[in-house]
Amino acid sequence: FVGTGQQFGPPDFSDPNVLVEQQQSGDDVAVAVNAGFLWRNDRWSVGGALRQGPNFEYSSRFLFGPAVASLGATPGVEIQGPTPVEFHVPDSYSVGASYRLNDAIRLNFEYDFVRYSELLNGDGNGRPVETTGKFSQFADAQARFEGEALVENLRIDDANQIRVGAEWILPRGAAVWAIRLGTWYDPDHKQWFENPDPTNRILRSYELNLAEGEDEVHVAAGLGAAFSRFRIDGAFDLSPRINTFSVTSVFFW
């Protein structure tokens, strides 16, 4: 049971093991609204932003793969014809404040609400989980029930993200240096399955394999230097799941 492609072994991605093939194609243009405000005085800066996620549409179809030959089916037969699929980039709303403690130190706070749930449209169009039988003309009633249950009970939670940080400015010779430290809270927003029937063995396996994730706390730090015509900044963001490192630069002329 631990060999390649077996129950507890690594997956088998070879072509002869492909049971279902999904083909996606599309070309779309969308318009979205971005708006914000900023207010400040000698010590405080307060701002907010609305970022509307655009909607894009593409086409998806499913075909039997080579592996169905061992089950008596014909590879290449279409399971689901081209279906329009809507992809909604999540909307987000932000508000933040910055307080200048003195000429060298600035404290920052930001709150973001991200509607990750908009990634699910409720009908499952275009998702690989459709291969469980919802639209398949070859599936029996039980397979269609399990496919519909999987599609309709997938969940992605919206996220309330909080960020805090501080910046220390240090003029040194021809450059102005900036040291930045911060942390932020990222609630779980992975896809998970809410099982409507715990007695169903198949749905129970979906529940175990598509379980909720864990919230994460990120730690971030950065260093920047600004000259008269050149600026460079570097930073890292560390978390239990992903570590990110970045470098940016700006030239003025």
Protein backbone atom coordinates (compact mmCIF):
# COMPACT_ATOMS: atom_id res chain seq x y z
CA PHE A 1 0.00 0.00 0.00
CA VAL A 2 3.02 2.35 0.08
CA GLY A 3 4.17 2.00 -3.53
CA THR A 4 3.81 4.73 -6.14
CA GLY A 5 0.14 5.25 -6.91
CA GLN A 6 -1.05 3.10 -4.02
CA GLN A 7 -3.20 4.21 -1.09
CA PHE A 8 -0.42 5.38 1.22
CA GLY A 9 2.32 5.92 -1.35
CA PRO A 10 3.35 8.88 -3.50
CA PRO A 11 1.03 9.84 -6.38
CA ASP A 12 1.56 8.39 -9.84
CA PHE A 13 1.55 11.24 -12.37
CA SER A 14 2.46 9.12 -15.40
CA ASP A 15 0.22 9.41 -18.52
CA PRO A 16 -1.14 5.81 -18.30
CA ASN A 17 -2.46 6.62 -14.82
CA VAL A 18 -4.52 9.67 -15.89
CA LEU A 19 -8.17 8.85 -15.20
CA VAL A 20 -9.71 12.20 -16.18
CA GLU A 21 -8.31 15.11 -18.18
CA GLN A 22 -9.51 18.68 -17.76
CA GLN A 23 -8.99 21.23 -20.53
CA GLN A 24 -9.38 24.95 -19.84
CA SER A 25 -9.19 27.85 -22.27
CA GLY A 26 -10.30 31.45 -22.37
CA ASP A 27 -9.55 35.08 -23.10
CA ASP A 28 -11.41 37.79 -21.20
CA VAL A 29 -11.26 41.44 -20.20
CA ALA A 30 -12.84 42.78 -17.00
CA VAL A 31 -13.19 46.12 -15.24
CA ALA A 32 -13.05 46.59 -11.47
CA VAL A 33 -13.22 49.55 -9.10
CA ASN A 34 -10.38 50.58 -6.79
CA ALA A 35 -10.95 53.52 -4.45
CA GLY A 36 -9.35 54.90 -1.31
CA PHE A 37 -8.94 57.86 1.00
CA LEU A 38 -6.13 59.39 3.03
CA TRP A 39 -6.16 61.90 5.88
CA ARG A 40 -3.16 63.11 7.81
CA ASN A 41 -1.76 65.76 10.12
CA ASP A 42 1.63 66.29 11.76
CA ARG A 43 1.57 62.94 13.60
CA TRP A 44 -1.21 60.78 12.19
CA SER A 45 -2.02 59.28 8.80
CA VAL A 46 -5.27 57.38 8.37
CA GLY A 47 -6.38 55.71 5.17
CA GLY A 48 -8.66 53.12 3.68
CA ALA A 49 -9.14 51.29 0.41
CA LEU A 50 -11.69 49.25 -1.51
CA ARG A 51 -10.38 46.82 -4.10
CA GLN A 52 -13.10 45.18 -6.15
CA GLY A 53 -12.05 41.87 -7.65
CA PRO A 54 -12.88 41.54 -11.36
CA ASN A 55 -14.78 38.60 -12.86
CA PHE A 56 -13.21 36.54 -15.62
CA GLU A 57 -14.83 33.81 -17.69
CA TYR A 58 -13.19 30.82 -19.35
CA SER A 59 -14.29 27.46 -20.76
CA SER A 60 -13.73 24.05 -19.19
CA ARG A 61 -14.31 20.50 -20.45
CA PHE A 62 -13.56 17.02 -19.08
CA LEU A 63 -12.42 13.92 -20.98
CA PHE A 64 -11.67 10.34 -20.02
CA GLY A 65 -7.92 9.72 -19.70
CA PRO A 66 -5.86 6.66 -20.72
CA ALA A 67 -6.42 4.89 -17.38
CA VAL A 68 -10.12 4.26 -18.10
CA ALA A 69 -9.15 1.64 -20.69
CA SER A 70 -8.50 -0.82 -17.84
CA LEU A 71 -12.10 -0.19 -16.65
CA GLY A 72 -13.62 -0.97 -20.05
CA ALA A 73 -14.24 2.66 -21.03
CA THR A 74 -12.87 4.56 -24.02
CA PRO A 75 -10.11 7.16 -23.50
CA GLY A 76 -10.83 10.57 -24.99
CA VAL A 77 -14.62 10.35 -24.58
CA GLU A 78 -16.06 13.65 -23.40
CA ILE A 79 -17.56 13.53 -19.89
CA GLN A 80 -18.62 17.15 -19.78
CA GLY A 81 -18.74 19.46 -22.76
CA PRO A 82 -17.33 23.00 -22.83
CA THR A 83 -18.88 24.86 -19.90
CA PRO A 84 -18.46 28.57 -19.11
CA VAL A 85 -16.75 29.08 -15.78
CA GLU A 86 -16.61 32.30 -13.79
CA PHE A 87 -13.49 33.16 -11.80
CA HIS A 88 -14.06 35.95 -9.28
CA VAL A 89 -10.96 37.58 -7.83
CA PRO A 90 -11.82 38.21 -4.13
CA ASP A 91 -12.91 41.69 -3.08
CA SER A 92 -10.93 43.26 -0.24
CA TYR A 93 -11.44 46.17 2.13
CA SER A 94 -8.67 47.83 4.12
CA VAL A 95 -8.21 50.50 6.75
CA GLY A 96 -4.97 51.56 8.38
CA ALA A 97 -3.28 54.13 10.54
CA SER A 98 0.27 55.35 10.98
CA TYR A 99 1.56 57.33 13.97
CA ARG A 100 4.82 59.26 13.93
CA LEU A 101 6.25 58.89 17.44
CA ASN A 102 9.14 61.24 16.63
CA ASP A 103 11.30 62.18 13.64
CA ALA A 104 12.85 58.71 13.57
CA ILE A 105 10.14 56.21 14.58
CA ARG A 106 6.79 55.48 12.95
CA LEU A 107 4.21 52.90 14.16
CA ASN A 108 1.77 51.31 11.71
CA PHE A 109 -1.48 49.34 11.88
CA GLU A 110 -3.63 47.82 9.13
CA TYR A 111 -6.83 45.76 9.00
CA ASP A 112 -7.87 43.88 5.85
CA PHE A 113 -11.07 41.96 5.14
CA VAL A 114 -10.68 39.62 2.14
CA ARG A 115 -13.70 37.81 0.70
CA TYR A 116 -11.99 34.54 -0.24
CA SER A 117 -15.41 32.85 -0.28
CA GLU A 118 -16.02 34.54 -3.65
CA LEU A 119 -13.63 32.01 -5.20
CA LEU A 120 -16.50 29.49 -4.90
CA ASN A 121 -19.59 30.16 -6.99
CA GLY A 122 -21.70 27.34 -5.57
CA ASP A 123 -22.16 25.22 -8.69
CA GLY A 124 -18.69 23.75 -9.13
CA ASN A 125 -18.36 24.58 -12.82
CA GLY A 126 -14.83 23.94 -14.00
CA ARG A 127 -13.48 22.39 -10.83
CA PRO A 128 -11.73 19.03 -10.92
CA VAL A 129 -14.19 17.75 -8.29
CA GLU A 130 -16.82 17.57 -11.04
CA THR A 131 -15.23 14.32 -12.10
CA THR A 132 -16.86 12.69 -9.05
CA GLY A 133 -20.02 12.46 -11.09
CA LYS A 134 -22.21 15.56 -10.90
CA PHE A 135 -22.32 16.13 -14.65
CA SER A 136 -21.23 12.75 -15.87
CA GLN A 137 -23.68 10.89 -18.09
CA PHE A 138 -21.78 7.73 -17.21
CA ALA A 139 -22.25 7.98 -13.43
CA ASP A 140 -24.93 6.23 -11.39
CA ALA A 141 -27.22 7.99 -8.90
CA GLN A 142 -24.88 7.42 -5.95
CA ALA A 143 -21.89 8.86 -7.80
CA ARG A 144 -23.90 11.90 -8.84
CA PHE A 145 -25.08 12.41 -5.25
CA GLU A 146 -21.50 12.30 -3.96
CA GLY A 147 -20.31 14.61 -6.73
CA GLU A 148 -23.04 17.15 -6.02
CA ALA A 149 -22.38 16.97 -2.27
CA LEU A 150 -18.68 17.61 -2.81
CA VAL A 151 -19.24 20.55 -5.15
CA GLU A 152 -22.00 22.18 -3.09
CA ASN A 153 -20.29 21.78 0.30
CA LEU A 154 -16.84 23.09 -0.49
CA ARG A 155 -16.05 26.10 1.70
CA ILE A 156 -13.46 28.87 1.80
CA ASP A 157 -13.61 31.21 4.78
CA ASP A 158 -13.28 34.96 4.45
CA ALA A 159 -10.27 36.39 6.26
CA ASN A 160 -9.80 39.19 8.79
CA GLN A 161 -6.11 40.05 8.53
CA ILE A 162 -4.33 42.30 11.01
CA ARG A 163 -0.88 43.83 10.49
CA VAL A 164 1.29 45.84 12.88
CA GLY A 165 4.74 47.22 12.28
CA ALA A 166 7.31 49.88 13.01
CA GLU A 167 9.88 51.80 10.98
CA TRP A 168 13.07 53.41 12.28
CA ILE A 169 14.69 56.08 10.08
CA LEU A 170 18.46 56.62 10.34
CA PRO A 171 20.17 59.37 8.29
CA ARG A 172 23.75 58.32 7.61
CA GLY A 173 25.92 60.38 5.28
CA ALA A 174 24.49 60.54 1.77
CA ALA A 175 21.82 57.92 2.50
CA VAL A 176 18.75 57.62 4.67
CA TRP A 177 18.41 54.12 6.09
CA ALA A 178 15.13 52.54 7.18
CA ILE A 179 14.83 49.50 9.46
CA ARG A 180 11.40 47.86 9.48
CA LEU A 181 9.91 45.18 11.75
CA GLY A 182 6.41 43.79 11.79
CA THR A 183 4.04 40.88 12.22
CA TRP A 184 0.66 39.97 10.79
CA TYR A 185 -2.13 37.50 11.41
CA ASP A 186 -3.42 35.46 8.47
CA PRO A 187 -6.54 33.36 9.27
CA ASP A 188 -6.99 30.06 7.47
CA HIS A 189 -8.59 30.46 4.05
CA LYS A 190 -7.84 27.15 2.36
CA GLN A 191 -10.59 25.18 0.66
CA TRP A 192 -12.32 22.67 2.96
CA PHE A 193 -15.29 20.31 2.83
CA GLU A 194 -18.30 20.51 5.14
CA ASN A 195 -19.63 16.94 5.24
CA PRO A 196 -23.46 16.78 5.09
CA ASP A 197 -23.52 13.02 5.78
CA PRO A 198 -20.78 11.68 8.13
CA THR A 199 -22.10 8.13 7.66
CA ASN A 200 -21.18 8.17 3.95
CA ARG A 201 -17.74 6.59 3.55
CA ILE A 202 -16.84 8.54 0.40
CA LEU A 203 -17.92 11.88 1.85
CA ARG A 204 -16.08 11.06 5.04
CA SER A 205 -12.87 10.62 3.02
CA TYR A 206 -13.43 14.03 1.39
CA GLU A 207 -13.90 15.53 4.85
CA LEU A 208 -10.56 14.09 6.00
CA ASN A 209 -8.64 15.02 2.85
CA LEU A 210 -10.17 18.50 2.56
CA ALA A 211 -9.96 19.52 6.20
CA GLU A 212 -9.72 23.08 7.46
CA GLY A 213 -6.21 24.52 7.75
CA GLU A 214 -4.61 26.48 10.54
CA ASP A 215 -4.30 30.20 11.19
CA GLU A 216 -0.80 31.60 10.75
CA VAL A 217 1.24 34.39 12.30
CA HIS A 218 3.87 35.92 10.01
CA VAL A 219 7.03 37.68 11.13
CA ALA A 220 8.50 40.26 8.75
CA ALA A 221 11.52 42.54 8.64
CA GLY A 222 13.15 44.77 6.09
CA LEU A 223 15.98 47.18 5.39
CA GLY A 224 16.02 50.07 2.94
CA ALA A 225 18.37 52.81 1.81
CA ALA A 226 17.42 56.01 -0.04
CA PHE A 227 19.93 58.15 -1.93
CA SER A 228 19.32 61.28 -4.00
CA ARG A 229 18.56 59.35 -7.20
CA PHE A 230 18.33 55.76 -6.10
CA ARG A 231 16.42 53.71 -3.54
CA ILE A 232 16.65 50.02 -2.67
CA ASP A 233 14.59 47.96 -0.22
CA GLY A 234 14.80 44.35 0.88
CA ALA A 235 12.50 42.34 3.13
CA PHE A 236 11.53 38.86 4.26
CA ASP A 237 8.26 37.37 5.53
CA LEU A 238 8.43 34.14 7.52
CA SER A 239 5.51 31.83 8.35
CA PRO A 240 4.97 28.12 9.09
CA ARG A 241 3.85 27.47 5.50
CA ILE A 242 5.60 29.97 3.21
CA ASN A 243 8.74 32.10 3.46
CA THR A 244 8.99 35.11 1.14
CA PHE A 245 12.04 37.21 0.29
CA SER A 246 11.90 40.31 -1.90
CA VAL A 247 14.11 43.15 -3.20
CA THR A 248 12.88 46.30 -4.97
CA SER A 249 14.65 49.34 -6.33
CA VAL A 250 13.69 52.75 -7.74
CA PHE A 251 15.74 55.13 -9.88
CA PHE A 252 14.95 58.85 -10.14
CA TRP A 253 16.01 61.11 -13.02
